[in-house]
Amino acid sequence: MTRGNQRDMDRAKAQKKLAEQNKGKKKDGVSHAKRAESDAEIMRAKQAAKEAAKAAGQAAPAKK
């Protein structure tokens, strides 16, 4: 009832697959709520700048 090295091969394959899935993900220790608040603050600042430029009669500043 031996399976040879099939179990070890499957474990190695699973670890490799998991490593590939997690390759591009960030792990910076910031919670979801803090990140959402930070992103919202950035968007509010961008929106305020755009509204100020529009009120001044200018086109929106070009992206870098």
Protein backbone atom coordinates (compact mmCIF):
# COMPACT_ATOMS: atom_id res chain seq x y z
CA MET A 1 0.00 0.00 0.00
CA THR A 2 2.86 2.37 -0.67
CA ARG A 3 2.39 5.37 -2.86
CA GLY A 4 6.02 6.01 -3.61
CA ASN A 5 6.90 9.67 -3.72
CA GLN A 6 3.54 10.79 -5.14
CA ARG A 7 2.51 12.47 -1.88
CA ASP A 8 5.80 14.38 -1.67
CA MET A 9 5.54 15.41 -5.31
CA ASP A 10 1.98 16.68 -4.79
CA ARG A 11 3.04 18.70 -1.75
CA ALA A 12 5.90 20.29 -3.66
CA LYS A 13 3.57 21.10 -6.55
CA ALA A 14 1.03 22.67 -4.19
CA GLN A 15 3.71 24.80 -2.51
CA LYS A 16 4.96 26.03 -5.87
CA LYS A 17 1.42 26.90 -6.96
CA LEU A 18 0.77 28.78 -3.72
CA ALA A 19 4.03 30.72 -4.08
CA GLU A 20 3.05 31.77 -7.61
CA GLN A 21 -0.37 32.97 -6.41
CA ASN A 22 1.12 35.06 -3.61
CA LYS A 23 3.94 36.45 -5.72
CA GLY A 24 2.53 39.90 -6.43
CA LYS A 25 0.59 40.51 -3.24
CA LYS A 26 1.73 43.15 -0.79
CA LYS A 27 2.14 42.35 2.87
CA ASP A 28 2.85 45.75 4.42
CA GLY A 29 0.95 45.23 7.67
CA VAL A 30 -1.71 47.87 7.00
CA SER A 31 -5.22 46.79 7.86
CA HIS A 32 -7.99 46.97 5.31
CA ALA A 33 -9.77 49.79 7.16
CA LYS A 34 -6.61 51.91 7.38
CA ARG A 35 -5.83 51.35 3.71
CA ALA A 36 -9.39 52.27 2.71
CA GLU A 37 -9.23 55.47 4.77
CA SER A 38 -5.84 56.37 3.29
CA ASP A 39 -7.06 55.77 -0.25
CA ALA A 40 -10.20 57.80 0.43
CA GLU A 41 -8.13 60.72 1.73
CA ILE A 42 -5.95 60.65 -1.39
CA MET A 43 -9.02 60.62 -3.63
CA ARG A 44 -10.58 63.53 -1.70
CA ALA A 45 -7.38 65.55 -2.16
CA LYS A 46 -7.34 64.80 -5.90
CA GLN A 47 -11.00 65.73 -6.23
CA ALA A 48 -10.48 69.02 -4.35
CA ALA A 49 -7.52 69.91 -6.58
CA LYS A 50 -9.52 69.16 -9.69
CA GLU A 51 -12.49 71.22 -8.49
CA ALA A 52 -10.17 74.12 -7.61
CA ALA A 53 -8.62 74.01 -11.09
CA LYS A 54 -12.07 73.87 -12.67
CA ALA A 55 -13.26 76.82 -10.57
CA ALA A 56 -10.23 78.82 -11.67
CA GLY A 57 -11.19 78.16 -15.28
CA GLN A 58 -8.22 76.00 -16.08
CA ALA A 59 -8.06 72.57 -17.57
CA ALA A 60 -7.14 69.78 -15.19
CA PRO A 61 -3.37 69.42 -14.68
CA ALA A 62 -1.75 66.81 -16.88
CA LYS A 63 -0.83 63.47 -15.38
CA LYS A 64 2.82 62.64 -14.95
